[in-house]
Amino acid sequence: MNNRFLIALVVCVLGLVGIYIATSKKDTPSNNGNSSKTSTLSNNVLGENAKGVVLLEYGDFQCPACAGYHPIIKQVVEKYNKDIKFQFRNFPLQQIHQNARAASRTAEAAGKQGKYWEMHDILYEQQESWAQSTAVNTVFEGYATQLELNIDKFKSDFSSSAVNETINADFAEGQKQGVDSTPTFFLQGKKVEDPPRDVEGWSKLLDQAI
């Protein structure tokens, strides 16, 4: 109960901060009014989707609430792997999480070598190890080495404008859909209000959608 309360509290706090972010000026130099038109959204998906049901998450790798939801969502996706498609999009709240964008870059760069979800999991599961780091690139390169990635390619993709623009496109699309905190979930295109905090709760929602 205590952990659930802490997760709920963090979500509420991030929601208030997110409202400010979503209504402020664009949050990065490259995130101009045309970014969502000229950039490609990320396409990080899991599941066979036999039932045509899509669960979408907008997340921030440095967000404690997102890390709290991670093991729950991972179990849900494993349980419904054949029936649904799960998609993750980047929504780094970098005004309060200084390493969030670098983490999104890391996951997208790993994805260029077919290891997106492996890096996604490491980032959430090791969040406390890098969240406040002042040498986060070194930490992330260590994760890339752990996953046996080509480090030169990883570094190149990490710093590329293409990866940065994909993150910007995800963020802009999230704003368009009314995302104002993380994590934010959409089931069949409809925002999930008060997301369940256990596998059983998500199972009820997904069973209804199926």
N, C-alpha and C. Protein backbone atom coordinates (compact mmCIF):
# COMPACT_ATOMS: atom_id res chain seq x y z
N MET A 1 0.82 -1.21 0.00
CA MET A 1 0.00 0.00 0.00
C MET A 1 0.85 1.26 0.00
N ASN A 2 1.94 1.20 0.77
CA ASN A 2 2.80 2.38 0.83
C ASN A 2 3.41 2.70 -0.52
N ASN A 3 3.87 1.65 -1.23
CA ASN A 3 4.46 1.87 -2.56
C ASN A 3 3.43 2.42 -3.53
N ARG A 4 2.21 1.92 -3.45
CA ARG A 4 1.17 2.42 -4.34
C ARG A 4 0.86 3.88 -4.05
N PHE A 5 0.84 4.23 -2.78
CA PHE A 5 0.59 5.62 -2.43
C PHE A 5 1.68 6.52 -2.96
N LEU A 6 2.94 6.09 -2.84
CA LEU A 6 4.05 6.89 -3.33
C LEU A 6 3.97 7.07 -4.84
N ILE A 7 3.60 6.00 -5.56
CA ILE A 7 3.47 6.09 -7.01
C ILE A 7 2.38 7.09 -7.38
N ALA A 8 1.24 7.00 -6.67
CA ALA A 8 0.13 7.90 -6.95
C ALA A 8 0.53 9.35 -6.68
N LEU A 9 1.27 9.56 -5.60
CA LEU A 9 1.71 10.90 -5.25
C LEU A 9 2.63 11.47 -6.31
N VAL A 10 3.58 10.65 -6.78
CA VAL A 10 4.51 11.11 -7.81
C VAL A 10 3.77 11.45 -9.09
N VAL A 11 2.78 10.60 -9.47
CA VAL A 11 2.00 10.87 -10.68
C VAL A 11 1.30 12.21 -10.58
N CYS A 12 0.71 12.49 -9.42
CA CYS A 12 0.01 13.77 -9.23
C CYS A 12 0.96 14.95 -9.35
N VAL A 13 2.13 14.82 -8.71
CA VAL A 13 3.11 15.92 -8.77
C VAL A 13 3.57 16.15 -10.19
N LEU A 14 3.88 15.06 -10.89
CA LEU A 14 4.34 15.20 -12.27
C LEU A 14 3.25 15.74 -13.17
N GLY A 15 2.00 15.44 -12.82
CA GLY A 15 0.90 15.98 -13.61
C GLY A 15 0.86 17.49 -13.54
N LEU A 16 1.06 18.03 -12.35
CA LEU A 16 1.06 19.49 -12.20
C LEU A 16 2.22 20.11 -12.95
N VAL A 17 3.40 19.48 -12.83
CA VAL A 17 4.56 19.99 -13.55
C VAL A 17 4.35 19.86 -15.06
N GLY A 18 3.76 18.73 -15.45
CA GLY A 18 3.54 18.48 -16.86
C GLY A 18 2.63 19.49 -17.50
N ILE A 19 1.61 19.95 -16.75
CA ILE A 19 0.71 20.96 -17.30
C ILE A 19 1.49 22.21 -17.67
N TYR A 20 2.43 22.58 -16.82
CA TYR A 20 3.26 23.73 -17.13
C TYR A 20 4.08 23.50 -18.39
N ILE A 21 4.68 22.29 -18.46
CA ILE A 21 5.53 21.99 -19.61
C ILE A 21 4.73 21.99 -20.89
N ALA A 22 3.55 21.37 -20.84
CA ALA A 22 2.74 21.23 -22.06
C ALA A 22 2.23 22.56 -22.57
N THR A 23 2.11 23.53 -21.68
CA THR A 23 1.57 24.82 -22.09
C THR A 23 2.65 25.87 -22.28
N SER A 24 3.89 25.48 -22.02
CA SER A 24 4.99 26.44 -22.19
C SER A 24 5.50 26.43 -23.61
N LYS A 25 6.54 27.23 -23.88
CA LYS A 25 7.17 27.22 -25.19
C LYS A 25 7.82 25.88 -25.43
N LYS A 26 8.17 25.59 -26.67
CA LYS A 26 8.81 24.33 -27.00
C LYS A 26 10.04 24.15 -26.13
N ASP A 27 10.27 22.92 -25.69
CA ASP A 27 11.25 22.72 -24.63
C ASP A 27 12.65 22.44 -25.11
N THR A 28 12.88 22.32 -26.42
CA THR A 28 14.24 22.12 -26.91
C THR A 28 14.47 23.02 -28.10
N PRO A 29 15.74 23.39 -28.36
CA PRO A 29 16.03 24.25 -29.48
C PRO A 29 15.55 23.71 -30.81
N SER A 30 15.59 22.37 -30.98
CA SER A 30 15.19 21.79 -32.25
C SER A 30 13.71 21.49 -32.34
N ASN A 31 12.98 21.65 -31.24
CA ASN A 31 11.56 21.31 -31.22
C ASN A 31 10.74 22.49 -31.68
N ASN A 32 10.82 22.82 -32.97
CA ASN A 32 10.09 23.95 -33.49
C ASN A 32 8.73 23.52 -34.00
N GLY A 33 7.99 24.44 -34.53
CA GLY A 33 6.62 24.17 -34.93
C GLY A 33 6.51 23.16 -36.04
N ASN A 34 7.58 22.88 -36.77
CA ASN A 34 7.51 21.95 -37.88
C ASN A 34 8.07 20.57 -37.56
N SER A 35 8.55 20.37 -36.32
CA SER A 35 9.25 19.13 -36.03
C SER A 35 8.37 17.91 -36.20
N SER A 36 7.11 17.96 -35.76
CA SER A 36 6.26 16.80 -35.87
C SER A 36 5.93 16.49 -37.32
N LYS A 37 6.04 17.48 -38.23
CA LYS A 37 5.75 17.27 -39.64
C LYS A 37 6.95 16.71 -40.39
N THR A 38 8.15 17.10 -39.95
CA THR A 38 9.35 16.70 -40.69
C THR A 38 10.04 15.50 -40.06
N SER A 39 9.63 15.09 -38.88
CA SER A 39 10.26 13.98 -38.19
C SER A 39 9.33 12.77 -38.15
N THR A 40 9.92 11.62 -37.94
CA THR A 40 9.17 10.37 -37.88
C THR A 40 8.98 9.95 -36.43
N LEU A 41 7.75 9.61 -36.08
CA LEU A 41 7.48 9.11 -34.73
C LEU A 41 8.23 7.80 -34.52
N SER A 42 8.54 7.52 -33.27
CA SER A 42 9.17 6.25 -32.96
C SER A 42 8.18 5.10 -33.24
N ASN A 43 8.73 3.92 -33.42
CA ASN A 43 7.88 2.77 -33.70
C ASN A 43 8.35 1.58 -32.87
N ASN A 44 8.34 1.77 -31.55
CA ASN A 44 8.81 0.74 -30.64
C ASN A 44 7.61 -0.04 -30.13
N VAL A 45 7.44 -1.25 -30.65
CA VAL A 45 6.22 -2.02 -30.35
C VAL A 45 6.57 -3.44 -29.93
N LEU A 46 5.65 -4.02 -29.15
CA LEU A 46 5.71 -5.42 -28.75
C LEU A 46 4.34 -6.04 -28.94
N GLY A 47 4.29 -7.33 -29.17
CA GLY A 47 3.03 -8.04 -29.23
C GLY A 47 2.60 -8.39 -30.64
N GLU A 48 1.86 -9.50 -30.75
CA GLU A 48 1.40 -9.99 -32.03
C GLU A 48 0.10 -9.31 -32.48
N ASN A 49 -0.66 -8.77 -31.52
CA ASN A 49 -1.86 -7.98 -31.80
C ASN A 49 -2.93 -8.76 -32.58
N ALA A 50 -3.16 -10.00 -32.19
CA ALA A 50 -4.16 -10.83 -32.86
C ALA A 50 -5.57 -10.27 -32.69
N LYS A 51 -5.81 -9.54 -31.61
CA LYS A 51 -7.15 -9.01 -31.34
C LYS A 51 -7.31 -7.55 -31.76
N GLY A 52 -6.25 -6.96 -32.31
CA GLY A 52 -6.36 -5.58 -32.78
C GLY A 52 -6.53 -4.56 -31.67
N VAL A 53 -5.91 -4.80 -30.52
CA VAL A 53 -6.01 -3.90 -29.37
C VAL A 53 -4.64 -3.25 -29.13
N VAL A 54 -4.62 -1.92 -29.05
CA VAL A 54 -3.37 -1.18 -28.92
C VAL A 54 -3.32 -0.44 -27.57
N LEU A 55 -2.27 -0.71 -26.81
CA LEU A 55 -1.98 0.00 -25.56
C LEU A 55 -0.73 0.84 -25.80
N LEU A 56 -0.87 2.14 -25.66
CA LEU A 56 0.22 3.08 -25.91
C LEU A 56 0.61 3.78 -24.62
N GLU A 57 1.92 3.85 -24.37
CA GLU A 57 2.43 4.58 -23.20
C GLU A 57 3.34 5.71 -23.65
N TYR A 58 3.12 6.89 -23.08
CA TYR A 58 4.07 7.99 -23.18
C TYR A 58 4.84 8.00 -21.86
N GLY A 59 6.16 7.82 -21.96
CA GLY A 59 6.94 7.69 -20.74
C GLY A 59 8.23 8.48 -20.75
N ASP A 60 8.76 8.67 -19.56
CA ASP A 60 10.01 9.38 -19.30
C ASP A 60 10.88 8.42 -18.51
N PHE A 61 12.05 8.07 -19.05
CA PHE A 61 12.89 7.06 -18.41
C PHE A 61 13.40 7.48 -17.04
N GLN A 62 13.42 8.78 -16.75
CA GLN A 62 13.89 9.24 -15.45
C GLN A 62 12.74 9.44 -14.47
N CYS A 63 11.53 9.25 -14.90
CA CYS A 63 10.35 9.46 -14.06
C CYS A 63 10.20 8.31 -13.07
N PRO A 64 10.19 8.58 -11.77
CA PRO A 64 10.03 7.51 -10.78
C PRO A 64 8.71 6.75 -10.92
N ALA A 65 7.64 7.47 -11.25
CA ALA A 65 6.34 6.81 -11.40
C ALA A 65 6.38 5.84 -12.58
N CYS A 66 7.04 6.24 -13.67
CA CYS A 66 7.17 5.34 -14.83
C CYS A 66 7.93 4.08 -14.45
N ALA A 67 9.00 4.26 -13.68
CA ALA A 67 9.78 3.10 -13.22
C ALA A 67 8.93 2.21 -12.33
N GLY A 68 8.04 2.83 -11.55
CA GLY A 68 7.14 2.05 -10.69
C GLY A 68 6.15 1.23 -11.49
N TYR A 69 5.68 1.79 -12.60
CA TYR A 69 4.74 1.07 -13.46
C TYR A 69 5.43 0.01 -14.32
N HIS A 70 6.71 0.19 -14.57
CA HIS A 70 7.41 -0.67 -15.53
C HIS A 70 7.22 -2.17 -15.29
N PRO A 71 7.45 -2.69 -14.07
CA PRO A 71 7.29 -4.15 -13.89
C PRO A 71 5.85 -4.61 -14.07
N ILE A 72 4.90 -3.73 -13.77
CA ILE A 72 3.48 -4.07 -13.94
C ILE A 72 3.16 -4.19 -15.42
N ILE A 73 3.55 -3.15 -16.19
CA ILE A 73 3.27 -3.15 -17.62
C ILE A 73 4.00 -4.29 -18.31
N LYS A 74 5.21 -4.60 -17.87
CA LYS A 74 5.97 -5.70 -18.47
C LYS A 74 5.22 -7.02 -18.29
N GLN A 75 4.66 -7.24 -17.11
CA GLN A 75 3.88 -8.46 -16.87
C GLN A 75 2.61 -8.49 -17.72
N VAL A 76 1.98 -7.33 -17.85
CA VAL A 76 0.75 -7.24 -18.64
C VAL A 76 1.03 -7.56 -20.11
N VAL A 77 2.11 -6.98 -20.63
CA VAL A 77 2.46 -7.21 -22.03
C VAL A 77 2.82 -8.68 -22.27
N GLU A 78 3.51 -9.29 -21.32
CA GLU A 78 3.84 -10.71 -21.46
C GLU A 78 2.57 -11.56 -21.43
N LYS A 79 1.63 -11.19 -20.57
CA LYS A 79 0.38 -11.94 -20.44
C LYS A 79 -0.47 -11.85 -21.71
N TYR A 80 -0.49 -10.65 -22.32
CA TYR A 80 -1.36 -10.41 -23.48
C TYR A 80 -0.56 -10.29 -24.78
N ASN A 81 0.62 -10.86 -24.80
CA ASN A 81 1.51 -10.69 -25.94
C ASN A 81 0.87 -11.09 -27.27
N LYS A 82 0.10 -12.14 -27.29
CA LYS A 82 -0.52 -12.60 -28.54
C LYS A 82 -1.69 -11.72 -28.96
N ASP A 83 -2.36 -11.10 -27.99
CA ASP A 83 -3.62 -10.41 -28.27
C ASP A 83 -3.48 -8.93 -28.59
N ILE A 84 -2.46 -8.27 -28.03
CA ILE A 84 -2.38 -6.81 -28.13
C ILE A 84 -1.07 -6.35 -28.74
N LYS A 85 -1.05 -5.06 -29.04
CA LYS A 85 0.20 -4.38 -29.39
C LYS A 85 0.46 -3.34 -28.31
N PHE A 86 1.66 -3.37 -27.76
CA PHE A 86 2.08 -2.35 -26.80
C PHE A 86 3.10 -1.45 -27.47
N GLN A 87 2.90 -0.15 -27.35
CA GLN A 87 3.80 0.81 -27.97
C GLN A 87 4.27 1.82 -26.94
N PHE A 88 5.56 2.15 -27.00
CA PHE A 88 6.14 3.14 -26.09
C PHE A 88 6.63 4.33 -26.90
N ARG A 89 6.24 5.53 -26.45
CA ARG A 89 6.74 6.76 -27.07
C ARG A 89 7.43 7.62 -26.02
N ASN A 90 8.39 8.39 -26.49
CA ASN A 90 9.22 9.23 -25.61
C ASN A 90 8.49 10.51 -25.20
N PHE A 91 8.53 10.79 -23.90
CA PHE A 91 8.00 12.06 -23.41
C PHE A 91 8.90 12.54 -22.27
N PRO A 92 10.15 12.90 -22.59
CA PRO A 92 11.10 13.30 -21.55
C PRO A 92 10.77 14.67 -20.95
N LEU A 93 10.53 14.69 -19.66
CA LEU A 93 10.24 15.95 -18.96
C LEU A 93 11.56 16.55 -18.50
N GLN A 94 12.33 17.05 -19.46
CA GLN A 94 13.71 17.42 -19.18
C GLN A 94 13.86 18.66 -18.34
N GLN A 95 12.80 19.43 -18.17
CA GLN A 95 12.91 20.60 -17.29
C GLN A 95 13.03 20.19 -15.83
N ILE A 96 12.57 18.97 -15.50
CA ILE A 96 12.72 18.48 -14.13
C ILE A 96 13.59 17.23 -14.06
N HIS A 97 13.83 16.59 -15.19
CA HIS A 97 14.67 15.38 -15.24
C HIS A 97 15.81 15.61 -16.23
N GLN A 98 16.96 16.01 -15.70
CA GLN A 98 18.04 16.48 -16.55
C GLN A 98 18.63 15.40 -17.45
N ASN A 99 18.45 14.14 -17.10
CA ASN A 99 19.01 13.06 -17.91
C ASN A 99 17.96 12.33 -18.74
N ALA A 100 16.75 12.82 -18.74
CA ALA A 100 15.65 12.11 -19.41
C ALA A 100 15.85 12.04 -20.92
N ARG A 101 16.25 13.15 -21.54
CA ARG A 101 16.42 13.13 -22.99
C ARG A 101 17.60 12.23 -23.38
N ALA A 102 18.66 12.27 -22.61
CA ALA A 102 19.80 11.40 -22.90
C ALA A 102 19.38 9.93 -22.80
N ALA A 103 18.50 9.63 -21.86
CA ALA A 103 18.02 8.26 -21.73
C ALA A 103 17.18 7.85 -22.93
N SER A 104 16.32 8.77 -23.41
CA SER A 104 15.54 8.48 -24.61
C SER A 104 16.46 8.28 -25.81
N ARG A 105 17.49 9.11 -25.93
CA ARG A 105 18.46 8.95 -27.00
C ARG A 105 19.13 7.57 -26.91
N THR A 106 19.44 7.16 -25.70
CA THR A 106 20.10 5.88 -25.49
C THR A 106 19.22 4.72 -25.97
N ALA A 107 17.96 4.75 -25.59
CA ALA A 107 17.05 3.67 -26.00
C ALA A 107 16.87 3.65 -27.51
N GLU A 108 16.68 4.85 -28.11
CA GLU A 108 16.49 4.90 -29.57
C GLU A 108 17.77 4.46 -30.30
N ALA A 109 18.92 4.83 -29.78
CA ALA A 109 20.18 4.42 -30.39
C ALA A 109 20.35 2.90 -30.31
N ALA A 110 19.99 2.32 -29.17
CA ALA A 110 20.04 0.87 -29.02
C ALA A 110 19.09 0.20 -30.01
N GLY A 111 17.96 0.85 -30.24
CA GLY A 111 16.99 0.32 -31.18
C GLY A 111 17.52 0.23 -32.60
N LYS A 112 18.46 1.10 -32.93
CA LYS A 112 19.08 1.06 -34.26
C LYS A 112 19.87 -0.23 -34.47
N GLN A 113 20.18 -0.90 -33.35
CA GLN A 113 20.90 -2.18 -33.43
C GLN A 113 20.05 -3.34 -32.92
N GLY A 114 18.72 -3.11 -32.91
CA GLY A 114 17.81 -4.18 -32.55
C GLY A 114 17.72 -4.50 -31.07
N LYS A 115 18.15 -3.56 -30.21
CA LYS A 115 18.13 -3.83 -28.77
C LYS A 115 17.33 -2.75 -28.01
N TYR A 116 16.27 -2.25 -28.65
CA TYR A 116 15.51 -1.19 -27.99
C TYR A 116 14.93 -1.66 -26.65
N TRP A 117 14.22 -2.78 -26.66
CA TRP A 117 13.50 -3.18 -25.45
C TRP A 117 14.44 -3.64 -24.36
N GLU A 118 15.58 -4.20 -24.74
CA GLU A 118 16.57 -4.57 -23.73
C GLU A 118 17.09 -3.32 -23.02
N MET A 119 17.35 -2.24 -23.79
CA MET A 119 17.82 -1.00 -23.19
C MET A 119 16.70 -0.32 -22.41
N HIS A 120 15.50 -0.34 -22.95
CA HIS A 120 14.32 0.19 -22.25
C HIS A 120 14.23 -0.40 -20.85
N ASP A 121 14.37 -1.71 -20.73
CA ASP A 121 14.26 -2.37 -19.43
C ASP A 121 15.41 -1.99 -18.50
N ILE A 122 16.62 -1.96 -19.04
CA ILE A 122 17.77 -1.59 -18.22
C ILE A 122 17.61 -0.18 -17.66
N LEU A 123 17.18 0.74 -18.49
CA LEU A 123 17.05 2.13 -18.06
C LEU A 123 16.07 2.27 -16.90
N TYR A 124 14.95 1.56 -16.98
CA TYR A 124 13.99 1.64 -15.87
C TYR A 124 14.48 0.87 -14.65
N GLU A 125 15.02 -0.30 -14.86
CA GLU A 125 15.42 -1.14 -13.73
C GLU A 125 16.66 -0.61 -13.01
N GLN A 126 17.49 0.17 -13.72
CA GLN A 126 18.68 0.76 -13.12
C GLN A 126 18.54 2.27 -12.92
N GLN A 127 17.33 2.76 -12.92
CA GLN A 127 17.10 4.20 -12.89
C GLN A 127 17.82 4.91 -11.75
N GLU A 128 17.83 4.33 -10.58
CA GLU A 128 18.47 4.97 -9.44
C GLU A 128 19.97 5.11 -9.62
N SER A 129 20.55 4.30 -10.50
CA SER A 129 22.00 4.34 -10.70
C SER A 129 22.44 5.48 -11.60
N TRP A 130 21.53 5.99 -12.45
CA TRP A 130 21.95 7.02 -13.41
C TRP A 130 21.15 8.33 -13.32
N ALA A 131 20.04 8.32 -12.63
CA ALA A 131 19.12 9.46 -12.66
C ALA A 131 19.80 10.78 -12.28
N GLN A 132 20.66 10.75 -11.30
CA GLN A 132 21.31 11.97 -10.83
C GLN A 132 22.78 12.05 -11.25
N SER A 133 23.18 11.20 -12.15
CA SER A 133 24.58 11.16 -12.57
C SER A 133 24.97 12.41 -13.36
N THR A 134 26.18 12.88 -13.13
CA THR A 134 26.71 14.00 -13.92
C THR A 134 27.61 13.49 -15.05
N ALA A 135 27.73 12.18 -15.15
CA ALA A 135 28.50 11.56 -16.23
C ALA A 135 27.65 10.46 -16.86
N VAL A 136 26.43 10.83 -17.20
CA VAL A 136 25.43 9.84 -17.61
C VAL A 136 25.80 9.16 -18.93
N ASN A 137 26.49 9.87 -19.82
CA ASN A 137 26.86 9.24 -21.09
C ASN A 137 27.77 8.04 -20.88
N THR A 138 28.67 8.15 -19.91
CA THR A 138 29.56 7.05 -19.59
C THR A 138 28.76 5.85 -19.07
N VAL A 139 27.77 6.14 -18.24
CA VAL A 139 26.91 5.08 -17.70
C VAL A 139 26.17 4.39 -18.84
N PHE A 140 25.59 5.19 -19.73
CA PHE A 140 24.81 4.62 -20.82
C PHE A 140 25.67 3.84 -21.82
N GLU A 141 26.88 4.31 -22.02
CA GLU A 141 27.80 3.55 -22.88
C GLU A 141 28.14 2.21 -22.23
N GLY A 142 28.16 2.19 -20.91
CA GLY A 142 28.38 0.93 -20.20
C GLY A 142 27.23 -0.04 -20.45
N TYR A 143 26.00 0.49 -20.46
CA TYR A 143 24.85 -0.37 -20.76
C TYR A 143 24.93 -0.88 -22.19
N ALA A 144 25.36 -0.02 -23.11
CA ALA A 144 25.49 -0.43 -24.51
C ALA A 144 26.52 -1.55 -24.64
N THR A 145 27.61 -1.45 -23.90
CA THR A 145 28.63 -2.50 -23.90
C THR A 145 28.06 -3.80 -23.34
N GLN A 146 27.28 -3.66 -22.27
CA GLN A 146 26.64 -4.82 -21.65
C GLN A 146 25.74 -5.55 -22.65
N LEU A 147 25.08 -4.79 -23.53
CA LEU A 147 24.19 -5.38 -24.54
C LEU A 147 24.94 -5.78 -25.81
N GLU A 148 26.25 -5.64 -25.78
CA GLU A 148 27.12 -6.02 -26.89
C GLU A 148 26.80 -5.24 -28.17
N LEU A 149 26.51 -3.96 -28.00
CA LEU A 149 26.28 -3.09 -29.15
C LEU A 149 27.61 -2.63 -29.74
N ASN A 150 27.58 -2.24 -31.00
CA ASN A 150 28.73 -1.59 -31.62
C ASN A 150 28.81 -0.19 -31.02
N ILE A 151 29.81 0.07 -30.22
CA ILE A 151 29.87 1.31 -29.45
C ILE A 151 30.03 2.54 -30.35
N ASP A 152 30.81 2.44 -31.39
CA ASP A 152 30.97 3.59 -32.29
C ASP A 152 29.64 3.95 -32.95
N LYS A 153 28.91 2.94 -33.40
CA LYS A 153 27.60 3.20 -34.00
C LYS A 153 26.62 3.74 -32.95
N PHE A 154 26.67 3.17 -31.76
CA PHE A 154 25.81 3.64 -30.67
C PHE A 154 26.04 5.13 -30.41
N LYS A 155 27.31 5.52 -30.30
CA LYS A 155 27.63 6.93 -30.03
C LYS A 155 27.15 7.83 -31.16
N SER A 156 27.33 7.37 -32.39
CA SER A 156 26.90 8.15 -33.56
C SER A 156 25.39 8.32 -33.59
N ASP A 157 24.67 7.23 -33.35
CA ASP A 157 23.20 7.30 -33.35
C ASP A 157 22.70 8.12 -32.16
N PHE A 158 23.33 7.95 -31.02
CA PHE A 158 22.94 8.70 -29.82
C PHE A 158 22.96 10.20 -30.08
N SER A 159 23.99 10.69 -30.77
CA SER A 159 24.15 12.13 -30.98
C SER A 159 23.53 12.62 -32.28
N SER A 160 22.88 11.74 -33.02
CA SER A 160 22.37 12.11 -34.34
C SER A 160 21.13 13.00 -34.26
N SER A 161 20.96 13.85 -35.27
CA SER A 161 19.78 14.70 -35.35
C SER A 161 18.54 13.85 -35.61
N ALA A 162 18.69 12.72 -36.30
CA ALA A 162 17.54 11.87 -36.60
C ALA A 162 16.91 11.33 -35.31
N VAL A 163 17.74 10.86 -34.39
CA VAL A 163 17.23 10.35 -33.11
C VAL A 163 16.60 11.48 -32.31
N ASN A 164 17.26 12.64 -32.28
CA ASN A 164 16.71 13.77 -31.54
C ASN A 164 15.36 14.20 -32.11
N GLU A 165 15.23 14.20 -33.42
CA GLU A 165 13.98 14.62 -34.05
C GLU A 165 12.87 13.60 -33.81
N THR A 166 13.22 12.32 -33.72
CA THR A 166 12.22 11.31 -33.39
C THR A 166 11.66 11.55 -31.99
N ILE A 167 12.54 11.87 -31.05
CA ILE A 167 12.09 12.16 -29.69
C ILE A 167 11.21 13.41 -29.68
N ASN A 168 11.61 14.43 -30.43
CA ASN A 168 10.80 15.65 -30.53
C ASN A 168 9.43 15.35 -31.12
N ALA A 169 9.40 14.49 -32.14
CA ALA A 169 8.14 14.15 -32.79
C ALA A 169 7.22 13.41 -31.81
N ASP A 170 7.77 12.49 -31.04
CA ASP A 170 6.99 11.80 -30.01
C ASP A 170 6.41 12.80 -29.01
N PHE A 171 7.26 13.71 -28.56
CA PHE A 171 6.84 14.69 -27.55
C PHE A 171 5.72 15.57 -28.11
N ALA A 172 5.90 16.03 -29.33
CA ALA A 172 4.90 16.90 -29.95
C ALA A 172 3.57 16.16 -30.14
N GLU A 173 3.64 14.90 -30.53
CA GLU A 173 2.43 14.10 -30.71
C GLU A 173 1.74 13.88 -29.36
N GLY A 174 2.53 13.68 -28.33
CA GLY A 174 1.97 13.53 -27.00
C GLY A 174 1.24 14.79 -26.55
N GLN A 175 1.84 15.93 -26.77
CA GLN A 175 1.18 17.20 -26.44
C GLN A 175 -0.13 17.34 -27.20
N LYS A 176 -0.11 16.95 -28.47
CA LYS A 176 -1.30 17.04 -29.30
C LYS A 176 -2.43 16.17 -28.73
N GLN A 177 -2.05 15.05 -28.14
CA GLN A 177 -3.04 14.13 -27.58
C GLN A 177 -3.41 14.46 -26.14
N GLY A 178 -2.84 15.54 -25.62
CA GLY A 178 -3.20 15.97 -24.27
C GLY A 178 -2.38 15.35 -23.16
N VAL A 179 -1.22 14.82 -23.48
CA VAL A 179 -0.34 14.27 -22.45
C VAL A 179 0.22 15.41 -21.61
N ASP A 180 0.05 15.33 -20.29
CA ASP A 180 0.56 16.38 -19.41
C ASP A 180 1.30 15.81 -18.21
N SER A 181 1.54 14.52 -18.19
CA SER A 181 2.31 13.89 -17.11
C SER A 181 2.76 12.53 -17.61
N THR A 182 3.68 11.92 -16.85
CA THR A 182 4.13 10.58 -17.22
C THR A 182 4.02 9.66 -16.01
N PRO A 183 3.67 8.40 -16.22
CA PRO A 183 3.29 7.84 -17.52
C PRO A 183 1.85 8.21 -17.88
N THR A 184 1.58 8.33 -19.17
CA THR A 184 0.22 8.49 -19.67
C THR A 184 -0.04 7.35 -20.65
N PHE A 185 -1.19 6.70 -20.47
CA PHE A 185 -1.54 5.54 -21.28
C PHE A 185 -2.78 5.83 -22.12
N PHE A 186 -2.78 5.24 -23.32
CA PHE A 186 -3.95 5.28 -24.20
C PHE A 186 -4.29 3.84 -24.58
N LEU A 187 -5.55 3.48 -24.43
CA LEU A 187 -6.03 2.17 -24.83
C LEU A 187 -7.05 2.36 -25.94
N GLN A 188 -6.74 1.81 -27.09
CA GLN A 188 -7.58 1.98 -28.29
C GLN A 188 -7.81 3.46 -28.60
N GLY A 189 -6.76 4.26 -28.37
CA GLY A 189 -6.82 5.68 -28.69
C GLY A 189 -7.46 6.55 -27.63
N LYS A 190 -7.95 5.95 -26.56
CA LYS A 190 -8.60 6.72 -25.49
C LYS A 190 -7.70 6.77 -24.27
N LYS A 191 -7.53 7.97 -23.73
CA LYS A 191 -6.68 8.15 -22.56
C LYS A 191 -7.21 7.36 -21.38
N VAL A 192 -6.31 6.64 -20.71
CA VAL A 192 -6.69 5.86 -19.53
C VAL A 192 -6.58 6.75 -18.31
N GLU A 193 -7.72 7.09 -17.75
CA GLU A 193 -7.73 7.91 -16.54
C GLU A 193 -7.50 7.01 -15.33
N ASP A 194 -6.68 7.46 -14.40
CA ASP A 194 -6.35 6.69 -13.20
C ASP A 194 -5.92 5.27 -13.56
N PRO A 195 -4.76 5.14 -14.24
CA PRO A 195 -4.29 3.82 -14.68
C PRO A 195 -4.17 2.84 -13.53
N PRO A 196 -4.57 1.59 -13.74
CA PRO A 196 -4.45 0.57 -12.69
C PRO A 196 -3.01 0.42 -12.24
N ARG A 197 -2.85 0.05 -10.98
CA ARG A 197 -1.53 -0.12 -10.41
C ARG A 197 -1.23 -1.58 -10.09
N ASP A 198 -1.93 -2.47 -10.79
CA ASP A 198 -1.64 -3.90 -10.66
C ASP A 198 -2.04 -4.61 -11.94
N VAL A 199 -1.55 -5.82 -12.09
CA VAL A 199 -1.82 -6.59 -13.30
C VAL A 199 -3.31 -6.90 -13.43
N GLU A 200 -3.96 -7.15 -12.31
CA GLU A 200 -5.37 -7.50 -12.34
C GLU A 200 -6.21 -6.35 -12.90
N GLY A 201 -5.89 -5.14 -12.49
CA GLY A 201 -6.63 -3.98 -12.98
C GLY A 201 -6.48 -3.80 -14.48
N TRP A 202 -5.23 -3.96 -14.97
CA TRP A 202 -5.00 -3.84 -16.41
C TRP A 202 -5.67 -4.98 -17.17
N SER A 203 -5.71 -6.16 -16.56
CA SER A 203 -6.34 -7.29 -17.21
C SER A 203 -7.82 -7.03 -17.44
N LYS A 204 -8.46 -6.41 -16.49
CA LYS A 204 -9.89 -6.09 -16.66
C LYS A 204 -10.10 -5.14 -17.82
N LEU A 205 -9.24 -4.11 -17.91
CA LEU A 205 -9.37 -3.14 -19.00
C LEU A 205 -9.13 -3.81 -20.36
N LEU A 206 -8.09 -4.62 -20.43
CA LEU A 206 -7.75 -5.26 -21.69
C LEU A 206 -8.78 -6.31 -22.11
N ASP A 207 -9.28 -7.05 -21.14
CA ASP A 207 -10.32 -8.03 -21.44
C ASP A 207 -11.55 -7.34 -22.02
N GLN A 208 -11.90 -6.20 -21.46
CA GLN A 208 -13.04 -5.45 -21.98
C GLN A 208 -12.78 -4.96 -23.39
N ALA A 209 -11.55 -4.49 -23.65
CA ALA A 209 -11.21 -3.99 -24.97
C ALA A 209 -11.20 -5.12 -26.00
N ILE A 210 -10.72 -6.29 -25.57
CA ILE A 210 -10.67 -7.45 -26.47
C ILE A 210 -12.07 -7.96 -26.77
